[in-house]
Amino acid sequence: MANTSVIQALVNADLYKPSGRIPEQMLKTITPTGETREHRMSEIENADLQIFGNELDIALQLQNPLVQSLFAKNAVGLANLIRVVNTESSSGFKGTNGSGRQLDALLLRAEQFQDPDVALALGAGGERASWIRAIGAAHIAAAAPNFIEGDYGIATAHGSALPMGTTEGLAILGFANPAAAPCVDAVQLTYLAQQYNIQNLDFEVANPFIGDAICELKQPLFLYPQETALITVNYYQVGQDELRPIGIWVKMSTAMRTLLTS
């Protein structure tokens, strides 16, 4: 059976220790076009990664085991994301007890993202209220309906990529779809204006015996500070879809005090 513990994954990678510090390192990533990018991973206390592992395992304790295994499988990548974000925040990861520039991480929810069906969204009115999305003929006719995009205040900015600030990072590991009859069957990620190949989302046949249908991304999306990403999908039938991403958003504690959108 696949490992479902983030803590165990960090232990296996020698990243779960009560004391000491991990020195600064460089992280190399490869874009869809083969370009190599480097990110500085800050020096960080081992205890900070312990806090991260402990809190994430607690948050996932009652989740579908397949969701737990997704996070465990990508635990090292998530720890690296925290360290890259900490390069600018420079105050470590303190989780729930953090304050000021100290980092915390949240599992993803709808209100953190722009509603892609709002033609003109201003201020707080543009966020999703739910992952539930009524799919009509217009969604099917669209070449690539947006699923996750940047916030926009004018209609002409609709469809722009979601940008990260200097002290935040986002990880999307896969997708769940608890709808009775999912309307989506494919997804495409655009990272730094470069498109990945499409990936089919076979929710009808995905893990039918263990809770909600879940599809893992062949390559998880790690969005580091000051990077952008756009996620588009293909809707093939009308109905009520409930596609939602599985992942975390790493932010400073000061950016986690607004209940509706943090």
Protein backbone atom coordinates (compact mmCIF):
# COMPACT_ATOMS: atom_id res chain seq x y z
CA MET A 1 0.00 0.00 0.00
CA ALA A 2 1.26 3.48 -0.82
CA ASN A 3 2.58 5.63 2.01
CA THR A 4 -0.11 8.01 3.27
CA SER A 5 1.99 9.91 5.83
CA VAL A 6 3.74 13.18 5.04
CA ILE A 7 5.80 12.74 8.20
CA GLN A 8 7.04 9.34 7.08
CA ALA A 9 7.94 10.71 3.65
CA LEU A 10 9.96 13.50 5.27
CA VAL A 11 11.65 10.99 7.59
CA ASN A 12 12.60 8.86 4.60
CA ALA A 13 14.14 11.93 2.95
CA ASP A 14 16.05 12.86 6.14
CA LEU A 15 14.01 16.07 6.42
CA TYR A 16 12.21 15.37 9.70
CA LYS A 17 14.47 16.22 12.62
CA PRO A 18 13.87 18.04 15.93
CA SER A 19 16.95 20.25 15.73
CA GLY A 20 19.59 21.66 13.44
CA ARG A 21 19.32 23.63 10.23
CA ILE A 22 19.24 22.77 6.55
CA PRO A 23 21.71 24.95 4.61
CA GLU A 24 20.78 27.06 1.62
CA GLN A 25 20.55 25.09 -1.62
CA MET A 26 19.57 25.59 -5.25
CA LEU A 27 16.55 23.87 -6.78
CA LYS A 28 16.44 23.23 -10.52
CA THR A 29 13.16 22.85 -12.40
CA ILE A 30 12.44 22.25 -16.07
CA THR A 31 9.75 24.14 -18.00
CA PRO A 32 7.53 22.55 -20.68
CA THR A 33 9.93 23.77 -23.38
CA GLY A 34 12.95 22.22 -21.67
CA GLU A 35 14.30 25.44 -20.17
CA THR A 36 16.07 24.99 -16.83
CA ARG A 37 15.15 27.39 -14.04
CA GLU A 38 16.90 27.77 -10.71
CA HIS A 39 15.26 28.69 -7.41
CA ARG A 40 17.08 29.49 -4.20
CA MET A 41 15.91 27.37 -1.27
CA SER A 42 16.62 29.23 1.94
CA GLU A 43 18.35 27.90 5.00
CA ILE A 44 15.64 26.68 7.35
CA GLU A 45 15.33 25.06 10.77
CA ASN A 46 14.59 21.34 10.73
CA ALA A 47 11.93 22.01 13.35
CA ASP A 48 10.02 24.12 10.81
CA LEU A 49 9.67 21.17 8.46
CA GLN A 50 8.58 19.07 11.44
CA ILE A 51 5.81 21.59 12.07
CA PHE A 52 4.81 21.40 8.41
CA GLY A 53 4.70 17.59 8.39
CA ASN A 54 2.82 17.37 11.68
CA GLU A 55 0.16 19.91 10.73
CA LEU A 56 -0.37 18.57 7.21
CA ASP A 57 -0.81 14.99 8.45
CA ILE A 58 -3.35 16.24 11.01
CA ALA A 59 -5.24 18.16 8.32
CA LEU A 60 -5.30 15.08 6.09
CA GLN A 61 -6.11 12.53 8.78
CA LEU A 62 -9.76 12.06 7.78
CA GLN A 63 -9.21 12.53 4.06
CA ASN A 64 -9.44 9.90 1.35
CA PRO A 65 -6.31 7.67 1.55
CA LEU A 66 -5.61 8.46 -2.11
CA VAL A 67 -5.44 12.18 -1.27
CA GLN A 68 -3.15 11.39 1.66
CA SER A 69 -0.85 9.39 -0.61
CA LEU A 70 -0.68 12.29 -3.10
CA PHE A 71 0.65 14.61 -0.40
CA ALA A 72 3.01 11.97 0.98
CA LYS A 73 4.38 11.25 -2.50
CA ASN A 74 5.10 14.96 -3.01
CA ALA A 75 6.19 15.79 0.55
CA VAL A 76 9.77 16.66 -0.45
CA GLY A 77 8.55 18.91 -3.26
CA LEU A 78 6.22 20.68 -0.83
CA ALA A 79 9.09 21.17 1.63
CA ASN A 80 11.18 22.61 -1.20
CA LEU A 81 8.33 24.99 -2.08
CA ILE A 82 8.28 26.26 1.50
CA ARG A 83 12.01 26.86 1.43
CA VAL A 84 11.82 28.78 -1.86
CA VAL A 85 9.06 31.01 -0.48
CA ASN A 86 11.05 31.49 2.72
CA THR A 87 13.91 32.97 0.69
CA GLU A 88 11.95 36.24 0.63
CA SER A 89 9.81 35.93 3.76
CA SER A 90 12.94 34.99 5.79
CA SER A 91 11.04 34.06 8.95
CA GLY A 92 10.61 30.30 8.68
CA PHE A 93 7.52 28.10 8.70
CA LYS A 94 5.56 28.18 11.96
CA GLY A 95 2.19 26.95 10.71
CA THR A 96 -0.93 27.64 12.75
CA ASN A 97 1.04 29.51 15.43
CA GLY A 98 2.79 31.74 12.92
CA SER A 99 2.55 35.52 12.79
CA GLY A 100 3.91 38.36 10.71
CA ARG A 101 6.15 37.08 7.93
CA GLN A 102 6.26 33.51 9.23
CA LEU A 103 4.81 31.00 6.77
CA ASP A 104 1.76 28.76 6.96
CA ALA A 105 0.08 26.48 4.42
CA LEU A 106 -3.58 25.99 3.58
CA LEU A 107 -5.32 23.20 1.73
CA LEU A 108 -7.07 24.63 -1.33
CA ARG A 109 -10.65 25.85 -1.33
CA ALA A 110 -12.86 27.59 -3.86
CA GLU A 111 -12.82 31.09 -2.34
CA GLN A 112 -9.08 31.41 -2.90
CA PHE A 113 -9.60 31.50 -6.67
CA GLN A 114 -11.23 33.75 -9.25
CA ASP A 115 -14.67 32.70 -10.49
CA PRO A 116 -14.02 31.99 -14.19
CA ASP A 117 -17.69 32.51 -15.04
CA VAL A 118 -17.87 36.11 -13.86
CA ALA A 119 -17.58 38.43 -16.85
CA LEU A 120 -16.63 41.49 -14.79
CA ALA A 121 -15.35 40.95 -11.27
CA LEU A 122 -14.30 43.74 -8.96
CA GLY A 123 -12.81 43.34 -5.50
CA ALA A 124 -14.13 40.54 -3.31
CA GLY A 125 -17.05 39.88 -5.65
CA GLY A 126 -14.95 37.93 -8.11
CA GLU A 127 -14.02 34.90 -6.02
CA ARG A 128 -15.64 31.53 -6.44
CA ALA A 129 -18.34 30.71 -3.92
CA SER A 130 -18.07 26.98 -4.54
CA TRP A 131 -16.36 24.37 -6.70
CA ILE A 132 -19.79 23.45 -8.03
CA ARG A 133 -20.09 24.81 -11.57
CA ALA A 134 -23.12 24.64 -13.83
CA ILE A 135 -21.86 23.56 -17.24
CA GLY A 136 -23.85 24.71 -20.25
CA ALA A 137 -23.49 24.66 -24.00
CA ALA A 138 -21.22 27.73 -23.91
CA HIS A 139 -18.64 25.87 -21.81
CA ILE A 140 -18.62 22.97 -24.25
CA ALA A 141 -18.34 25.27 -27.26
CA ALA A 142 -15.41 27.18 -25.75
CA ALA A 143 -12.02 26.10 -27.09
CA ALA A 144 -10.54 25.84 -23.59
CA PRO A 145 -12.71 27.06 -20.69
CA ASN A 146 -10.66 28.52 -17.88
CA PHE A 147 -10.67 26.70 -14.57
CA ILE A 148 -7.97 28.51 -12.58
CA GLU A 149 -6.92 31.97 -13.71
CA GLY A 150 -5.76 35.28 -12.29
CA ASP A 151 -8.01 37.77 -10.53
CA TYR A 152 -9.27 40.44 -12.86
CA GLY A 153 -11.07 43.75 -12.47
CA ILE A 154 -11.94 44.32 -16.10
CA ALA A 155 -13.50 41.93 -18.58
CA THR A 156 -10.57 42.15 -21.01
CA ALA A 157 -8.29 40.63 -18.35
CA HIS A 158 -10.45 37.50 -18.16
CA GLY A 159 -8.31 34.46 -18.93
CA SER A 160 -5.03 35.85 -17.65
CA ALA A 161 -2.66 33.58 -15.75
CA LEU A 162 -2.68 33.38 -11.96
CA PRO A 163 0.42 35.18 -10.61
CA MET A 164 2.25 34.44 -7.38
CA GLY A 165 3.51 37.27 -5.22
CA THR A 166 7.05 37.44 -3.84
CA THR A 167 6.16 35.60 -0.63
CA GLU A 168 3.74 32.87 -1.66
CA GLY A 169 3.73 29.60 -3.56
CA LEU A 170 1.14 27.13 -4.82
CA ALA A 171 1.21 23.38 -5.37
CA ILE A 172 -1.42 21.42 -7.30
CA LEU A 173 -0.93 17.67 -7.21
CA GLY A 174 -4.11 16.38 -8.82
CA PHE A 175 -7.86 16.81 -9.04
CA ALA A 176 -10.96 15.38 -7.40
CA ASN A 177 -14.47 15.44 -8.78
CA PRO A 178 -17.28 14.31 -6.45
CA ALA A 179 -20.00 15.15 -9.00
CA ALA A 180 -22.49 12.37 -9.70
CA ALA A 181 -21.79 12.77 -13.42
CA PRO A 182 -18.53 14.69 -14.05
CA CYS A 183 -18.63 16.99 -17.08
CA VAL A 184 -14.88 17.38 -17.58
CA ASP A 185 -12.51 14.90 -19.20
CA ALA A 186 -9.20 16.72 -19.79
CA VAL A 187 -6.97 19.43 -18.31
CA GLN A 188 -4.09 21.52 -19.61
CA LEU A 189 -1.57 23.46 -17.54
CA THR A 190 0.15 26.58 -18.82
CA TYR A 191 3.23 27.45 -16.76
CA LEU A 192 5.08 30.71 -17.43
CA ALA A 193 3.14 31.03 -20.72
CA GLN A 194 4.37 27.58 -21.80
CA GLN A 195 1.81 24.82 -22.31
CA TYR A 196 2.14 21.31 -20.98
CA ASN A 197 0.58 18.45 -22.93
CA ILE A 198 -3.04 17.82 -22.06
CA GLN A 199 -3.87 15.14 -19.52
CA ASN A 200 -7.07 13.13 -19.58
CA LEU A 201 -9.17 13.07 -16.42
CA ASP A 202 -10.88 9.68 -16.45
CA PHE A 203 -13.07 10.24 -13.42
CA GLU A 204 -15.57 7.60 -14.52
CA VAL A 205 -13.01 4.84 -14.02
CA ALA A 206 -10.75 6.42 -11.37
CA ASN A 207 -10.62 4.54 -8.04
CA PRO A 208 -14.35 3.66 -8.03
CA PHE A 209 -14.17 1.82 -4.71
CA ILE A 210 -12.48 4.45 -2.51
CA GLY A 211 -14.60 7.57 -2.07
CA ASP A 212 -14.50 10.40 -4.61
CA ALA A 213 -12.93 10.06 -8.04
CA ILE A 214 -9.35 11.38 -7.98
CA CYS A 215 -6.86 11.86 -10.81
CA GLU A 216 -3.18 12.53 -10.15
CA LEU A 217 -1.26 14.94 -12.35
CA LYS A 218 1.52 13.16 -14.21
CA GLN A 219 3.72 16.07 -13.17
CA PRO A 220 2.61 18.15 -10.18
CA LEU A 221 2.41 21.90 -10.63
CA PHE A 222 4.71 23.81 -8.29
CA LEU A 223 4.24 27.54 -8.69
CA TYR A 224 7.07 29.46 -7.05
CA PRO A 225 7.14 33.17 -6.11
CA GLN A 226 6.62 35.56 -9.03
CA GLU A 227 5.63 32.77 -11.42
CA THR A 228 2.35 32.37 -13.30
CA ALA A 229 0.05 29.53 -14.30
CA LEU A 230 -3.25 29.08 -16.10
CA ILE A 231 -5.36 25.92 -15.95
CA THR A 232 -7.89 25.19 -18.67
CA VAL A 233 -10.18 22.18 -19.01
CA ASN A 234 -12.39 20.46 -21.55
CA TYR A 235 -16.09 20.10 -20.75
CA TYR A 236 -17.80 17.47 -22.87
CA GLN A 237 -21.34 17.40 -21.48
CA VAL A 238 -23.78 19.74 -19.76
CA GLY A 239 -24.60 19.26 -16.12
CA GLN A 240 -23.21 20.12 -12.71
CA ASP A 241 -19.48 19.63 -12.36
CA GLU A 242 -17.49 19.71 -9.12
CA LEU A 243 -13.87 19.61 -10.29
CA ARG A 244 -11.47 20.82 -7.61
CA PRO A 245 -7.67 20.90 -7.28
CA ILE A 246 -5.76 19.00 -4.61
CA GLY A 247 -2.83 20.91 -3.17
CA ILE A 248 -1.68 23.66 -0.81
CA TRP A 249 -1.06 27.39 -0.87
CA VAL A 250 1.94 28.63 1.11
CA LYS A 251 1.63 32.20 2.39
CA MET A 252 2.87 34.52 5.10
CA SER A 253 0.72 34.60 8.22
CA THR A 254 -0.21 38.23 7.52
CA ALA A 255 -1.94 37.04 4.33
CA MET A 256 -4.00 34.43 6.20
CA ARG A 257 -6.19 36.62 8.34
CA THR A 258 -9.02 37.27 5.85
CA LEU A 259 -11.52 34.48 6.40
CA LEU A 260 -13.36 34.79 3.09
CA THR A 261 -10.38 34.69 0.73
CA SER A 262 -7.21 33.51 2.57
